[in-house]
């Protein structure tokens, strides 16, 4: 289950960073933060 959070988090981070480069906006920053939270949750082994 941890690997799923890490993979989804990294994918979300990548997509949001790419989209943020094309269209700057605070909404995309929330997606970047969410992706980072998912990666950290996966690495730590628990969700929130």
PDB file of N, CA and C in Angstrom:
ATOM      1  N   UNK A   1       0.830  -1.200   0.000  1.00  0.00           N
ATOM      2  CA  UNK A   1       0.000   0.000   0.000  1.00  0.00           C
ATOM      3  C   UNK A   1       0.870   1.258   0.000  1.00  0.00           C
ATOM      4  N   UNK A   2       1.998   1.190   0.700  1.00  0.00           N
ATOM      5  CA  UNK A   2       2.889   2.358   0.745  1.00  0.00           C
ATOM      6  C   UNK A   2       3.362   2.744  -0.643  1.00  0.00           C
ATOM      7  N   UNK A   3       3.699   1.731  -1.450  1.00  0.00           N
ATOM      8  CA  UNK A   3       4.236   2.013  -2.783  1.00  0.00           C
ATOM      9  C   UNK A   3       3.197   2.726  -3.639  1.00  0.00           C
ATOM     10  N   UNK A   4       1.917   2.422  -3.417  1.00  0.00           N
ATOM     11  CA  UNK A   4       0.847   3.076  -4.173  1.00  0.00           C
ATOM     12  C   UNK A   4       0.830   4.570  -3.869  1.00  0.00           C
ATOM     13  N   UNK A   5       0.949   4.923  -2.579  1.00  0.00           N
ATOM     14  CA  UNK A   5       0.954   6.335  -2.206  1.00  0.00           C
ATOM     15  C   UNK A   5       2.154   7.053  -2.797  1.00  0.00           C
ATOM     16  N   UNK A   6       3.309   6.389  -2.781  1.00  0.00           N
ATOM     17  CA  UNK A   6       4.521   7.014  -3.316  1.00  0.00           C
ATOM     18  C   UNK A   6       4.386   7.238  -4.820  1.00  0.00           C
ATOM     19  N   UNK A   7       3.910   6.218  -5.538  1.00  0.00           N
ATOM     20  CA  UNK A   7       3.773   6.323  -6.992  1.00  0.00           C
ATOM     21  C   UNK A   7       2.747   7.389  -7.365  1.00  0.00           C
ATOM     22  N   UNK A   8       1.590   7.364  -6.700  1.00  0.00           N
ATOM     23  CA  UNK A   8       0.544   8.350  -6.992  1.00  0.00           C
ATOM     24  C   UNK A   8       1.035   9.755  -6.644  1.00  0.00           C
ATOM     25  N   UNK A   9       1.721   9.886  -5.517  1.00  0.00           N
ATOM     26  CA  UNK A   9       2.235  11.191  -5.108  1.00  0.00           C
ATOM     27  C   UNK A   9       3.244  11.745  -6.090  1.00  0.00           C
ATOM     28  N   UNK A  10       4.169  10.899  -6.533  1.00  0.00           N
ATOM     29  CA  UNK A  10       5.190  11.344  -7.489  1.00  0.00           C
ATOM     30  C   UNK A  10       4.545  11.707  -8.823  1.00  0.00           C
ATOM     31  N   UNK A  11       3.580  10.905  -9.263  1.00  0.00           N
ATOM     32  CA  UNK A  11       2.889  11.195 -10.517  1.00  0.00           C
ATOM     33  C   UNK A  11       2.135  12.519 -10.419  1.00  0.00           C
ATOM     34  N   UNK A  12       1.450  12.720  -9.295  1.00  0.00           N
ATOM     35  CA  UNK A  12       0.709  13.963  -9.092  1.00  0.00           C
ATOM     36  C   UNK A  12       1.657  15.154  -9.055  1.00  0.00           C
ATOM     37  N   UNK A  13       2.783  14.994  -8.361  1.00  0.00           N
ATOM     38  CA  UNK A  13       3.782  16.060  -8.309  1.00  0.00           C
ATOM     39  C   UNK A  13       4.270  16.413  -9.711  1.00  0.00           C
ATOM     40  N   UNK A  14       4.592  15.395 -10.497  1.00  0.00           N
ATOM     41  CA  UNK A  14       5.096  15.631 -11.848  1.00  0.00           C
ATOM     42  C   UNK A  14       4.090  16.351 -12.721  1.00  0.00           C
ATOM     43  N   UNK A  15       2.856  15.887 -12.697  1.00  0.00           N
ATOM     44  CA  UNK A  15       1.808  16.506 -13.520  1.00  0.00           C
ATOM     45  C   UNK A  15       1.554  17.941 -13.081  1.00  0.00           C
ATOM     46  N   UNK A  16       1.472  18.158 -11.769  1.00  0.00           N
ATOM     47  CA  UNK A  16       1.176  19.496 -11.264  1.00  0.00           C
ATOM     48  C   UNK A  16       2.329  20.465 -11.515  1.00  0.00           C
ATOM     49  N   UNK A  17       3.563  20.001 -11.366  1.00  0.00           N
ATOM     50  CA  UNK A  17       4.713  20.870 -11.643  1.00  0.00           C
ATOM     51  C   UNK A  17       4.741  21.257 -13.118  1.00  0.00           C
ATOM     52  N   UNK A  18       4.447  20.293 -14.004  1.00  0.00           N
ATOM     53  CA  UNK A  18       4.422  20.571 -15.440  1.00  0.00           C
ATOM     54  C   UNK A  18       3.300  21.557 -15.779  1.00  0.00           C
ATOM     55  N   UNK A  19       2.116  21.319 -15.202  1.00  0.00           N
ATOM     56  CA  UNK A  19       0.979  22.203 -15.461  1.00  0.00           C
ATOM     57  C   UNK A  19       1.239  23.592 -14.887  1.00  0.00           C
ATOM     58  N   UNK A  20       1.886  23.655 -13.723  1.00  0.00           N
ATOM     59  CA  UNK A  20       2.171  24.946 -13.089  1.00  0.00           C
ATOM     60  C   UNK A  20       3.169  25.738 -13.931  1.00  0.00           C
ATOM     61  N   UNK A  21       4.082  25.047 -14.606  1.00  0.00           N
ATOM     62  CA  UNK A  21       5.040  25.727 -15.477  1.00  0.00           C
ATOM     63  C   UNK A  21       4.316  26.342 -16.677  1.00  0.00           C
ATOM     64  N   UNK A  22       3.267  25.667 -17.145  1.00  0.00           N
ATOM     65  CA  UNK A  22       2.513  26.176 -18.293  1.00  0.00           C
ATOM     66  C   UNK A  22       1.522  27.252 -17.881  1.00  0.00           C
ATOM     67  N   UNK A  23       0.800  27.016 -16.785  1.00  0.00           N
ATOM     68  CA  UNK A  23      -0.249  27.931 -16.328  1.00  0.00           C
ATOM     69  C   UNK A  23      -0.032  28.211 -14.846  1.00  0.00           C
ATOM     70  N   UNK A  24       0.714  29.257 -14.507  1.00  0.00           N
ATOM     71  CA  UNK A  24       0.911  29.554 -13.084  1.00  0.00           C
ATOM     72  C   UNK A  24      -0.417  29.853 -12.393  1.00  0.00           C
ATOM     73  N   UNK A  25      -0.583  29.315 -11.213  1.00  0.00           N
ATOM     74  CA  UNK A  25      -1.805  29.563 -10.450  1.00  0.00           C
ATOM     75  C   UNK A  25      -1.731  28.892  -9.101  1.00  0.00           C
ATOM     76  N   UNK A  26      -2.432  29.447  -8.133  1.00  0.00           N
ATOM     77  CA  UNK A  26      -2.353  28.904  -6.773  1.00  0.00           C
ATOM     78  C   UNK A  26      -3.051  27.563  -6.646  1.00  0.00           C
ATOM     79  N   UNK A  27      -4.034  27.288  -7.517  1.00  0.00           N
ATOM     80  CA  UNK A  27      -4.729  26.005  -7.457  1.00  0.00           C
ATOM     81  C   UNK A  27      -3.764  24.852  -7.718  1.00  0.00           C
ATOM     82  N   UNK A  28      -2.839  25.064  -8.652  1.00  0.00           N
ATOM     83  CA  UNK A  28      -1.874  24.017  -8.971  1.00  0.00           C
ATOM     84  C   UNK A  28      -0.886  23.832  -7.832  1.00  0.00           C
ATOM     85  N   UNK A  29      -0.612  24.893  -7.081  1.00  0.00           N
ATOM     86  CA  UNK A  29       0.273  24.765  -5.919  1.00  0.00           C
ATOM     87  C   UNK A  29      -0.346  23.831  -4.886  1.00  0.00           C
ATOM     88  N   UNK A  30      -1.678  23.861  -4.747  1.00  0.00           N
ATOM     89  CA  UNK A  30      -2.354  22.941  -3.826  1.00  0.00           C
ATOM     90  C   UNK A  30      -2.147  21.492  -4.267  1.00  0.00           C
ATOM     91  N   UNK A  31      -2.182  21.262  -5.570  1.00  0.00           N
ATOM     92  CA  UNK A  31      -1.939  19.920  -6.094  1.00  0.00           C
ATOM     93  C   UNK A  31      -0.513  19.462  -5.832  1.00  0.00           C
ATOM     94  N   UNK A  32       0.443  20.385  -5.951  1.00  0.00           N
ATOM     95  CA  UNK A  32       1.845  20.064  -5.665  1.00  0.00           C
ATOM     96  C   UNK A  32       2.001  19.686  -4.199  1.00  0.00           C
ATOM     97  N   UNK A  33       1.367  20.458  -3.310  1.00  0.00           N
ATOM     98  CA  UNK A  33       1.428  20.168  -1.872  1.00  0.00           C
ATOM     99  C   UNK A  33       0.787  18.812  -1.585  1.00  0.00           C
ATOM    100  N   UNK A  34      -0.359  18.528  -2.207  1.00  0.00           N
ATOM    101  CA  UNK A  34      -1.036  17.248  -1.999  1.00  0.00           C
ATOM    102  C   UNK A  34      -0.158  16.083  -2.449  1.00  0.00           C
ATOM    103  N   UNK A  35       0.489  16.234  -3.592  1.00  0.00           N
ATOM    104  CA  UNK A  35       1.396  15.192  -4.071  1.00  0.00           C
ATOM    105  C   UNK A  35       2.544  14.954  -3.104  1.00  0.00           C
ATOM    106  N   UNK A  36       3.111  16.035  -2.574  1.00  0.00           N
ATOM    107  CA  UNK A  36       4.210  15.912  -1.611  1.00  0.00           C
ATOM    108  C   UNK A  36       3.733  15.217  -0.337  1.00  0.00           C
ATOM    109  N   UNK A  37       2.525  15.545   0.115  1.00  0.00           N
ATOM    110  CA  UNK A  37       1.968  14.915   1.319  1.00  0.00           C
ATOM    111  C   UNK A  37       1.784  13.414   1.094  1.00  0.00           C
ATOM    112  N   UNK A  38       1.318  13.026  -0.089  1.00  0.00           N
ATOM    113  CA  UNK A  38       1.139  11.600  -0.392  1.00  0.00           C
ATOM    114  C   UNK A  38       2.471  10.860  -0.387  1.00  0.00           C
ATOM    115  N   UNK A  39       3.500  11.484  -0.968  1.00  0.00           N
ATOM    116  CA  UNK A  39       4.820  10.845  -0.991  1.00  0.00           C
ATOM    117  C   UNK A  39       5.347  10.675   0.424  1.00  0.00           C
ATOM    118  N   UNK A  40       5.240  11.720   1.236  1.00  0.00           N
ATOM    119  CA  UNK A  40       5.727  11.655   2.619  1.00  0.00           C
ATOM    120  C   UNK A  40       4.940  10.612   3.413  1.00  0.00           C
ATOM    121  N   UNK A  41       3.624  10.566   3.217  1.00  0.00           N
ATOM    122  CA  UNK A  41       2.798   9.578   3.922  1.00  0.00           C
ATOM    123  C   UNK A  41       3.219   8.162   3.530  1.00  0.00           C
ATOM    124  N   UNK A  42       3.494   7.953   2.254  1.00  0.00           N
ATOM    125  CA  UNK A  42       3.937   6.635   1.802  1.00  0.00           C
ATOM    126  C   UNK A  42       5.294   6.268   2.368  1.00  0.00           C
ATOM    127  N   UNK A  43       6.200   7.233   2.430  1.00  0.00           N
ATOM    128  CA  UNK A  43       7.541   6.964   2.949  1.00  0.00           C
ATOM    129  C   UNK A  43       7.512   6.696   4.451  1.00  0.00           C
ATOM    130  N   UNK A  44       6.639   7.381   5.170  1.00  0.00           N
ATOM    131  CA  UNK A  44       6.570   7.214   6.617  1.00  0.00           C
ATOM    132  C   UNK A  44       5.780   5.969   7.001  1.00  0.00           C
ATOM    133  N   UNK A  45       4.974   5.446   6.065  1.00  0.00           N
ATOM    134  CA  UNK A  45       4.274   4.194   6.319  1.00  0.00           C
ATOM    135  C   UNK A  45       2.903   4.356   6.935  1.00  0.00           C
ATOM    136  N   UNK A  46       2.439   5.577   7.052  1.00  0.00           N
ATOM    137  CA  UNK A  46       1.071   5.759   7.541  1.00  0.00           C
ATOM    138  C   UNK A  46       0.461   6.961   6.827  1.00  0.00           C
ATOM    139  N   UNK A  47      -0.847   6.970   6.790  1.00  0.00           N
ATOM    140  CA  UNK A  47      -1.558   8.022   6.078  1.00  0.00           C
ATOM    141  C   UNK A  47      -2.147   8.982   7.093  1.00  0.00           C
ATOM    142  N   UNK A  48      -1.661  10.204   7.079  1.00  0.00           N
ATOM    143  CA  UNK A  48      -2.145  11.276   7.957  1.00  0.00           C
ATOM    144  C   UNK A  48      -2.180  10.825   9.404  1.00  0.00           C
TER     145      UNK A  48
END
